[in-house]
C-alpha atoms as a PDB file:
ATOM      1  CA  MET A   1       0.000   0.000   0.000  1.00  0.00           C
ATOM      2  CA  LEU A   2       1.623   3.216  -1.127  1.00  0.00           C
ATOM      3  CA  ILE A   3       0.833   5.965   1.332  1.00  0.00           C
ATOM      4  CA  LYS A   4       0.917   9.571   0.213  1.00  0.00           C
ATOM      5  CA  ARG A   5       2.812  11.738   2.643  1.00  0.00           C
ATOM      6  CA  THR A   6       4.091  15.283   2.353  1.00  0.00           C
ATOM      7  CA  MET A   7       7.502  16.022   3.800  1.00  0.00           C
ATOM      8  CA  THR A   8       8.005  19.186   5.819  1.00  0.00           C
ATOM      9  CA  SER A   9      11.607  19.398   4.579  1.00  0.00           C
ATOM     10  CA  GLY A  10      10.389  20.329   1.096  1.00  0.00           C
ATOM     11  CA  ALA A  11      11.405  17.045  -0.571  1.00  0.00           C
ATOM     12  CA  ASN A  12       8.014  16.389  -2.143  1.00  0.00           C
ATOM     13  CA  ASP A  13       9.021  14.700  -5.393  1.00  0.00           C
ATOM     14  CA  LEU A  14       7.103  11.614  -6.531  1.00  0.00           C
ATOM     15  CA  ASN A  15       9.575   8.994  -5.303  1.00  0.00           C
ATOM     16  CA  THR A  16       9.589  10.535  -1.811  1.00  0.00           C
ATOM     17  CA  VAL A  17       5.872  11.205  -1.467  1.00  0.00           C
ATOM     18  CA  TYR A  18       4.896   7.730  -2.721  1.00  0.00           C
ATOM     19  CA  ARG A  19       7.711   5.670  -1.194  1.00  0.00           C
ATOM     20  CA  PRO A  20       7.087   1.888  -0.841  1.00  0.00           C
ATOM     21  CA  CYS A  21       6.265   0.759   2.707  1.00  0.00           C
ATOM     22  CA  THR A  22       6.667  -3.025   2.391  1.00  0.00           C
ATOM     23  CA  VAL A  23       9.317  -5.286   0.892  1.00  0.00           C
ATOM     24  CA  GLN A  24       6.837  -6.576  -1.699  1.00  0.00           C
ATOM     25  CA  GLU A  25       6.253  -3.076  -3.106  1.00  0.00           C
ATOM     26  CA  VAL A  26       9.922  -2.517  -3.972  1.00  0.00           C
ATOM     27  CA  ILE A  27      10.702  -2.981  -7.662  1.00  0.00           C
ATOM     28  CA  GLY A  28      14.013  -4.620  -8.506  1.00  0.00           C
ATOM     29  CA  GLN A  29      16.619  -5.346  -5.815  1.00  0.00           C
ATOM     30  CA  ASP A  30      15.565  -9.026  -5.828  1.00  0.00           C
ATOM     31  CA  ILE A  31      18.500 -10.383  -3.794  1.00  0.00           C
ATOM     32  CA  ASN A  32      18.239  -7.608  -1.203  1.00  0.00           C
ATOM     33  CA  LYS A  33      14.479  -8.097  -1.009  1.00  0.00           C
ATOM     34  CA  LYS A  34      14.877 -11.828  -0.301  1.00  0.00           C
ATOM     35  CA  ILE A  35      17.464 -11.226   2.425  1.00  0.00           C
ATOM     36  CA  ILE A  36      15.419  -8.528   4.157  1.00  0.00           C
ATOM     37  CA  GLU A  37      12.070 -10.285   3.743  1.00  0.00           C
ATOM     38  CA  SER A  38      13.301 -13.601   5.159  1.00  0.00           C
ATOM     39  CA  GLY A  39      15.206 -11.798   7.920  1.00  0.00           C
ATOM     40  CA  LEU A  40      12.112  -9.886   9.025  1.00  0.00           C
ATOM     41  CA  ARG A  41       9.881 -12.944   8.743  1.00  0.00           C
ATOM     42  CA  ASN A  42      12.219 -15.202  10.740  1.00  0.00           C
ATOM     43  CA  GLY A  43      13.516 -12.540  13.135  1.00  0.00           C
ATOM     44  CA  SER A  44      17.069 -13.183  11.962  1.00  0.00           C
ATOM     45  CA  LEU A  45      18.242  -9.908  10.470  1.00  0.00           C
ATOM     46  CA  PRO A  46      21.983  -9.260  10.680  1.00  0.00           C
ATOM     47  CA  HIS A  47      23.109  -6.813  13.367  1.00  0.00           C
ATOM     48  CA  SER A  48      24.188  -4.360  10.693  1.00  0.00           C
ATOM     49  CA  LEU A  49      23.427  -3.778   7.038  1.00  0.00           C
ATOM     50  CA  LEU A  50      25.419  -1.533   4.722  1.00  0.00           C
ATOM     51  CA  PHE A  51      23.493  -0.021   1.830  1.00  0.00           C
ATOM     52  CA  THR A  52      25.584   1.447  -0.965  1.00  0.00           C
ATOM     53  CA  GLY A  53      24.853   2.683  -4.445  1.00  0.00           C
ATOM     54  CA  PRO A  54      23.994   5.743  -6.485  1.00  0.00           C
ATOM     55  CA  ALA A  55      21.249   8.173  -5.568  1.00  0.00           C
ATOM     56  CA  GLY A  56      17.771   6.800  -6.136  1.00  0.00           C
ATOM     57  CA  CYS A  57      18.582   3.083  -5.961  1.00  0.00           C
ATOM     58  CA  GLY A  58      16.514   2.453  -2.802  1.00  0.00           C
ATOM     59  CA  LYS A  59      18.933   2.615   0.118  1.00  0.00           C
ATOM     60  CA  THR A  60      16.786   4.828   2.332  1.00  0.00           C
ATOM     61  CA  THR A  61      13.584   3.092   1.275  1.00  0.00           C
ATOM     62  CA  MET A  62      14.894  -0.327   2.293  1.00  0.00           C
ATOM     63  CA  ALA A  63      16.159   1.067   5.608  1.00  0.00           C
ATOM     64  CA  ARG A  64      12.728   2.542   6.351  1.00  0.00           C
ATOM     65  CA  ILE A  65      11.026  -0.735   5.450  1.00  0.00           C
ATOM     66  CA  ILE A  66      13.286  -2.538   7.924  1.00  0.00           C
ATOM     67  CA  ALA A  67      12.472   0.062  10.592  1.00  0.00           C
ATOM     68  CA  LEU A  68       8.744  -0.418   9.970  1.00  0.00           C
ATOM     69  CA  GLY A  69       9.065  -4.196  10.175  1.00  0.00           C
ATOM     70  CA  LEU A  70      11.062  -4.131  13.392  1.00  0.00           C
ATOM     71  CA  ASN A  71       8.957  -1.521  15.214  1.00  0.00           C
ATOM     72  CA  CYS A  72       5.359  -2.349  14.182  1.00  0.00           C
ATOM     73  CA  ARG A  73       3.242  -2.628  17.354  1.00  0.00           C
ATOM     74  CA  ALA A  74       0.543  -4.759  15.689  1.00  0.00           C
ATOM     75  CA  HIS A  75       2.955  -7.713  15.550  1.00  0.00           C
ATOM     76  CA  VAL A  76       4.706  -9.218  18.559  1.00  0.00           C
ATOM     77  CA  GLU A  77       7.801 -10.126  16.527  1.00  0.00           C
ATOM     78  CA  SER A  78       9.353  -8.431  13.521  1.00  0.00           C
ATOM     79  CA  THR A  79       7.346  -8.788  10.342  1.00  0.00           C
ATOM     80  CA  ASP A  80       7.834  -8.364   6.615  1.00  0.00           C
ATOM     81  CA  LYS A  81       4.279  -6.949   6.398  1.00  0.00           C
ATOM     82  CA  PRO A  82       3.884  -4.054   8.869  1.00  0.00           C
ATOM     83  CA  CYS A  83       0.327  -2.857   9.557  1.00  0.00           C
ATOM     84  CA  LEU A  84       1.087   0.799   8.629  1.00  0.00           C
ATOM     85  CA  ASP A  85      -1.796   1.794  10.899  1.00  0.00           C
ATOM     86  CA  CYS A  86      -0.479   1.586  14.480  1.00  0.00           C
ATOM     87  CA  THR A  87       0.965   4.643  16.198  1.00  0.00           C
ATOM     88  CA  CYS A  88       4.529   3.390  15.787  1.00  0.00           C
ATOM     89  CA  CYS A  89       4.143   2.783  12.029  1.00  0.00           C
ATOM     90  CA  LYS A  90       2.532   6.186  11.519  1.00  0.00           C
ATOM     91  CA  ALA A  91       5.272   7.921  13.509  1.00  0.00           C
ATOM     92  CA  THR A  92       7.959   6.124  11.478  1.00  0.00           C
ATOM     93  CA  LEU A  93       6.287   7.054   8.192  1.00  0.00           C
ATOM     94  CA  ASP A  94       6.050  10.703   9.302  1.00  0.00           C
ATOM     95  CA  GLN A  95       9.671  10.672  10.549  1.00  0.00           C
ATOM     96  CA  LYS A  96       8.514  11.459  14.103  1.00  0.00           C
ATOM     97  CA  ASN A  97       9.454   8.145  15.732  1.00  0.00           C
ATOM     98  CA  LEU A  98      12.080   8.715  18.412  1.00  0.00           C
ATOM     99  CA  ASP A  99      13.333   5.132  17.987  1.00  0.00           C
ATOM    100  CA  VAL A 100      14.115   5.652  14.289  1.00  0.00           C
ATOM    101  CA  ILE A 101      16.617   8.370  13.423  1.00  0.00           C
ATOM    102  CA  GLU A 102      17.528   8.924   9.786  1.00  0.00           C
ATOM    103  CA  ILE A 103      20.936  10.436   9.161  1.00  0.00           C
ATOM    104  CA  ASN A 104      21.645  11.381   5.570  1.00  0.00           C
ATOM    105  CA  VAL A 105      25.341  12.167   5.504  1.00  0.00           C
ATOM    106  CA  GLY A 106      25.189  13.241   1.852  1.00  0.00           C
ATOM    107  CA  LYS A 107      22.766  16.065   2.658  1.00  0.00           C
ATOM    108  CA  ASP A 108      23.551  16.805   6.281  1.00  0.00           C
ATOM    109  CA  ARG A 109      27.248  17.657   6.528  1.00  0.00           C
ATOM    110  CA  LYS A 110      26.948  18.540  10.231  1.00  0.00           C
ATOM    111  CA  SER A 111      26.822  14.846  11.136  1.00  0.00           C
ATOM    112  CA  VAL A 112      30.200  14.152   9.519  1.00  0.00           C
ATOM    113  CA  VAL A 113      33.058  14.192  12.001  1.00  0.00           C
END
């Protein structure tokens, strides 16, 4: 389910406003999708994941999908299909969840040491 959301930061282009919210909605990235989907389903995600690639390849989208799957309150364990309706999912989608902090080093140079 693609959810329309408007960003307060001004980044309101199509790929940001209509960003996929589940692993199944992502187009391409088949190997990454299998790893993340099975990891969320089985509760066996690696302790760290490193996403690399050019702008627009889905790094941030996949990280947000993982955050949704790990923090969804409708499911006791992590899930590859978050509800997108609980308070935690809504806060993550609106970038207001205190448990999920997005740091974009390419845009925010203050976070670089």
